Amino acid sequence: MQLWTQTSGATEVTDYEPNFHFRTEELDALAMLRAARKYARENATAKTPESATNLEVAVLGSYSTQYASSCLEYLLNDQSGERAQVFDGEYDSILSSILDDNSQLHALEPNILVLLPDTKDIVSFVPKKFASSAKITQQVDEVVQFYERLWAKAPARSTILQANFVLQNLRVLENLDANYAWSSRSFTAAVNLELMRRRPSNVLLSILSNLRAQLEKISGSIIPHVICTGMVFHWIFCRKL
């Protein structure tokens, strides 16, 4: 794999080969789930000592994330050469885990905190039809302020990998959705853009808003682990540069 690097004002091409034993484009979702379950069974009684762990990952979502966590644990420990501990949050536990100082999340203080929110989380903020530009801006700002507070409350040492909001394929207004900023789809896109503009340096966003078409052939319950895996391995790859 060739990477472009900047050295003393000159651009050089360097070779970097990550310690991964698979190609992500060849991953099959169901096969990965089967491999992850097999790995979990075979290692049910074997626990990696904390002193031997070099990576702690916490996965929190607005939905069940056990698929994401189990596949991630398998890929990190069995395939990538990492020695990882993966914490799987309870169902819809983003708020409770981050805001509670005594939660397992804060006790773990993971290197990586994966947040998988759902577009349904911001439905109540979508402006009414024919809302003014000022009102739309206010609603977008309220959503972003909410996540800014969560980011600030998360464990200090965590790099936060957060999925942005998927743009729903269902368009109530059909093509009119693209012409009005108060439509649900336009509002979601505006929130994603503002989150990108205002994210702190320890927050990385994964662009999921345009992945719906590619993921529609995959069972909805499997989508989170596909998303989560890509986000975390992108972070690991960048860390090795």
Protein backbone atom coordinates (compact mmCIF):
# COMPACT_ATOMS: atom_id res chain seq x y z
CA MET A 1 0.00 0.00 0.00
CA GLN A 2 1.47 3.36 -0.96
CA LEU A 3 0.95 6.49 1.10
CA TRP A 4 1.71 10.09 0.26
CA THR A 5 3.76 11.81 2.96
CA GLN A 6 5.08 15.33 3.30
CA THR A 7 8.77 15.59 4.23
CA SER A 8 10.64 18.90 4.40
CA GLY A 9 8.33 20.49 1.88
CA ALA A 10 8.65 17.62 -0.59
CA THR A 11 6.05 14.96 -1.22
CA GLU A 12 7.31 11.40 -1.01
CA VAL A 13 5.69 8.03 -1.57
CA THR A 14 6.26 5.54 1.24
CA ASP A 15 5.16 1.95 1.66
CA TYR A 16 3.04 0.97 4.64
CA GLU A 17 1.59 -2.48 5.20
CA PRO A 18 -0.94 -2.68 8.05
CA ASN A 19 -1.00 -5.85 10.12
CA PHE A 20 -4.41 -6.97 8.85
CA HIS A 21 -4.96 -10.47 7.47
CA PHE A 22 -8.04 -9.68 5.42
CA ARG A 23 -9.28 -7.32 2.76
CA THR A 24 -12.29 -5.30 3.88
CA GLU A 25 -13.89 -5.42 0.44
CA GLU A 26 -13.93 -9.20 0.67
CA LEU A 27 -15.68 -9.35 4.05
CA ASP A 28 -19.02 -11.12 4.06
CA ALA A 29 -21.32 -9.92 6.83
CA LEU A 30 -22.87 -13.26 7.72
CA ALA A 31 -19.56 -15.09 7.48
CA MET A 32 -18.05 -12.52 9.81
CA LEU A 33 -20.83 -13.06 12.33
CA ARG A 34 -20.27 -16.82 12.27
CA ALA A 35 -16.53 -16.35 12.74
CA ALA A 36 -17.13 -13.92 15.61
CA ARG A 37 -19.45 -16.36 17.38
CA LYS A 38 -16.95 -19.17 16.96
CA TYR A 39 -14.18 -16.95 18.33
CA ALA A 40 -16.34 -16.01 21.32
CA ARG A 41 -17.10 -19.67 22.11
CA GLU A 42 -13.48 -20.71 21.85
CA ASN A 43 -12.32 -17.85 24.04
CA ALA A 44 -15.22 -17.75 26.51
CA THR A 45 -12.99 -18.71 29.45
CA ALA A 46 -9.82 -17.01 28.28
CA LYS A 47 -9.47 -13.43 29.45
CA THR A 48 -6.69 -11.15 28.33
CA PRO A 49 -4.94 -9.60 31.35
CA GLU A 50 -5.40 -5.85 31.53
CA SER A 51 -1.62 -5.44 31.46
CA ALA A 52 -1.54 -7.19 28.07
CA THR A 53 -4.32 -5.08 26.55
CA ASN A 54 -3.16 -2.29 24.28
CA LEU A 55 -6.57 -1.09 23.11
CA GLU A 56 -9.89 -0.54 24.89
CA VAL A 57 -12.97 0.07 22.76
CA ALA A 58 -16.49 0.93 23.96
CA VAL A 59 -19.46 0.67 21.62
CA LEU A 60 -22.64 2.58 22.45
CA GLY A 61 -25.69 2.90 20.25
CA SER A 62 -29.30 3.97 20.06
CA TYR A 63 -30.02 0.34 19.21
CA SER A 64 -28.57 -3.03 20.15
CA THR A 65 -24.84 -3.17 19.35
CA GLN A 66 -23.92 -6.75 20.25
CA TYR A 67 -23.24 -7.64 16.61
CA ALA A 68 -20.91 -4.68 16.28
CA SER A 69 -19.06 -5.48 19.49
CA SER A 70 -18.68 -9.22 18.89
CA CYS A 71 -17.40 -8.77 15.34
CA LEU A 72 -15.10 -5.99 16.41
CA GLU A 73 -13.61 -8.07 19.21
CA TYR A 74 -13.01 -10.95 16.82
CA LEU A 75 -11.41 -8.78 14.12
CA LEU A 76 -9.22 -6.84 16.52
CA ASN A 77 -7.91 -9.78 18.52
CA ASP A 78 -7.91 -12.59 15.98
CA GLN A 79 -7.25 -10.80 12.70
CA SER A 80 -5.43 -7.50 13.25
CA GLY A 81 -2.85 -8.42 15.87
CA GLU A 82 -4.25 -6.00 18.43
CA ARG A 83 -4.86 -7.04 22.03
CA ALA A 84 -8.21 -5.39 22.55
CA GLN A 85 -10.89 -5.25 25.18
CA VAL A 86 -14.33 -4.40 23.76
CA PHE A 87 -17.11 -3.09 25.97
CA ASP A 88 -20.63 -3.47 24.61
CA GLY A 89 -23.08 -0.94 26.02
CA GLU A 90 -26.68 -1.78 26.80
CA TYR A 91 -29.53 -1.03 24.41
CA ASP A 92 -29.96 2.73 23.84
CA SER A 93 -27.28 3.57 26.39
CA ILE A 94 -25.47 6.55 24.86
CA LEU A 95 -26.96 9.06 27.28
CA SER A 96 -26.91 6.94 30.42
CA SER A 97 -23.35 5.73 29.91
CA ILE A 98 -21.83 9.12 29.11
CA LEU A 99 -23.73 11.29 31.59
CA ASP A 100 -23.31 8.94 34.57
CA ASP A 101 -19.86 9.48 36.07
CA ASN A 102 -20.11 6.10 37.79
CA SER A 103 -20.95 4.12 34.67
CA GLN A 104 -18.83 1.27 33.31
CA LEU A 105 -17.81 3.53 30.45
CA HIS A 106 -16.10 6.04 32.73
CA ALA A 107 -14.53 3.22 34.75
CA LEU A 108 -13.04 1.74 31.58
CA GLU A 109 -11.90 5.06 30.02
CA PRO A 110 -11.50 3.47 26.57
CA ASN A 111 -9.05 4.56 23.93
CA ILE A 112 -11.92 4.52 21.43
CA LEU A 113 -15.55 5.39 22.08
CA VAL A 114 -17.82 4.40 19.19
CA LEU A 115 -21.18 6.19 19.09
CA LEU A 116 -23.88 4.83 16.79
CA PRO A 117 -26.86 7.19 17.00
CA ASP A 118 -30.05 6.72 15.00
CA THR A 119 -31.72 9.26 12.74
CA LYS A 120 -34.83 8.71 14.86
CA ASP A 121 -32.96 10.42 17.72
CA ILE A 122 -33.40 13.81 16.05
CA VAL A 123 -36.93 13.41 14.68
CA SER A 124 -38.35 15.67 17.40
CA PHE A 125 -36.07 18.48 16.24
CA VAL A 126 -37.18 18.44 12.60
CA PRO A 127 -38.86 21.81 11.92
CA LYS A 128 -42.47 22.11 10.88
CA LYS A 129 -43.39 22.62 7.25
CA PHE A 130 -42.64 26.11 5.92
CA ALA A 131 -40.52 26.95 8.99
CA SER A 132 -38.39 30.07 8.64
CA SER A 133 -34.65 29.94 8.00
CA ALA A 134 -34.05 31.28 11.51
CA LYS A 135 -36.12 28.48 13.05
CA ILE A 136 -34.34 25.81 11.02
CA THR A 137 -30.95 27.19 12.06
CA GLN A 138 -32.09 27.19 15.68
CA GLN A 139 -33.20 23.55 15.50
CA VAL A 140 -29.94 22.46 13.88
CA ASP A 141 -28.00 24.32 16.57
CA GLU A 142 -29.96 22.60 19.36
CA VAL A 143 -29.06 19.17 17.99
CA VAL A 144 -25.38 20.03 17.63
CA GLN A 145 -25.24 21.59 21.11
CA PHE A 146 -26.65 18.37 22.51
CA TYR A 147 -23.83 16.34 20.99
CA GLU A 148 -21.23 18.91 21.98
CA ARG A 149 -22.29 18.39 25.60
CA LEU A 150 -21.99 14.62 25.19
CA TRP A 151 -18.52 14.93 23.64
CA ALA A 152 -17.37 17.15 26.49
CA LYS A 153 -18.70 14.68 29.08
CA ALA A 154 -17.10 11.58 27.53
CA PRO A 155 -13.92 10.12 29.09
CA ALA A 156 -11.08 12.57 28.52
CA ARG A 157 -8.66 10.13 26.90
CA SER A 158 -11.18 8.68 24.43
CA THR A 159 -11.08 9.29 20.72
CA ILE A 160 -14.75 9.44 19.74
CA LEU A 161 -15.80 7.79 16.48
CA GLN A 162 -19.37 8.84 15.79
CA ALA A 163 -21.58 7.82 12.91
CA ASN A 164 -23.45 10.70 11.36
CA PHE A 165 -27.15 10.46 10.58
CA VAL A 166 -28.30 8.37 7.63
CA LEU A 167 -30.42 10.22 5.10
CA GLN A 168 -33.65 8.27 4.86
CA ASN A 169 -34.63 6.99 1.43
CA LEU A 170 -38.31 7.60 2.17
CA ARG A 171 -39.12 11.03 0.77
CA VAL A 172 -42.58 12.16 1.77
CA LEU A 173 -42.37 15.14 -0.56
CA GLU A 174 -40.53 13.28 -3.32
CA ASN A 175 -38.31 15.73 -5.26
CA LEU A 176 -39.63 18.67 -3.28
CA ASP A 177 -37.47 17.41 -0.39
CA ALA A 178 -34.44 18.77 -2.23
CA ASN A 179 -35.98 22.24 -2.51
CA TYR A 180 -36.93 23.01 1.08
CA ALA A 181 -34.58 23.28 4.04
CA TRP A 182 -37.36 22.28 6.45
CA SER A 183 -37.79 18.81 4.93
CA SER A 184 -36.62 15.92 7.08
CA ARG A 185 -33.92 14.90 4.62
CA SER A 186 -32.57 18.44 4.20
CA PHE A 187 -32.61 18.99 7.96
CA THR A 188 -30.66 15.77 8.58
CA ALA A 189 -28.07 16.78 5.99
CA ALA A 190 -27.74 20.20 7.66
CA VAL A 191 -27.18 18.57 11.05
CA ASN A 192 -24.45 16.32 9.60
CA LEU A 193 -22.72 19.31 8.07
CA GLU A 194 -22.85 21.35 11.28
CA LEU A 195 -21.56 18.42 13.35
CA MET A 196 -18.61 18.25 10.98
CA ARG A 197 -17.95 21.99 11.28
CA ARG A 198 -18.05 22.02 15.07
CA ARG A 199 -16.49 18.70 16.05
CA PRO A 200 -13.45 18.95 18.37
CA SER A 201 -10.15 17.33 17.43
CA ASN A 202 -10.86 14.15 19.41
CA VAL A 203 -14.09 13.46 17.49
CA LEU A 204 -14.09 11.77 14.09
CA LEU A 205 -17.29 11.38 12.10
CA SER A 206 -18.03 8.45 9.84
CA ILE A 207 -19.97 9.45 6.74
CA LEU A 208 -22.94 7.12 6.63
CA SER A 209 -25.45 9.49 5.08
CA ASN A 210 -24.86 8.12 1.57
CA LEU A 211 -24.40 4.44 2.45
CA ARG A 212 -28.06 3.46 2.60
CA ALA A 213 -28.16 2.22 -0.99
CA GLN A 214 -25.10 0.03 -0.51
CA LEU A 215 -26.35 -1.37 2.80
CA GLU A 216 -29.97 -2.02 1.88
CA LYS A 217 -29.10 -5.53 0.74
CA ILE A 218 -27.76 -6.32 4.22
CA SER A 219 -30.07 -7.21 7.08
CA GLY A 220 -30.78 -4.14 9.19
CA SER A 221 -29.57 -5.89 12.32
CA ILE A 222 -26.15 -6.39 10.73
CA ILE A 223 -25.64 -2.85 9.47
CA PRO A 224 -24.24 -1.51 12.80
CA HIS A 225 -21.34 -3.96 12.89
CA VAL A 226 -20.37 -3.13 9.31
CA ILE A 227 -20.36 0.56 10.22
CA CYS A 228 -18.56 0.07 13.51
CA THR A 229 -15.85 -2.15 12.07
CA GLY A 230 -15.00 0.29 9.31
CA MET A 231 -14.84 3.23 11.73
CA VAL A 232 -12.53 1.54 14.21
CA PHE A 233 -10.16 0.04 11.67
CA HIS A 234 -9.85 3.41 9.94
CA TRP A 235 -8.74 4.86 13.30
CA ILE A 236 -6.24 2.05 13.88
CA PHE A 237 -4.84 2.48 10.37
CA CYS A 238 -4.36 6.23 10.90
CA ARG A 239 -2.75 5.63 14.29
CA LYS A 240 -0.13 3.37 12.70
CA LEU A 241 0.96 6.00 10.18
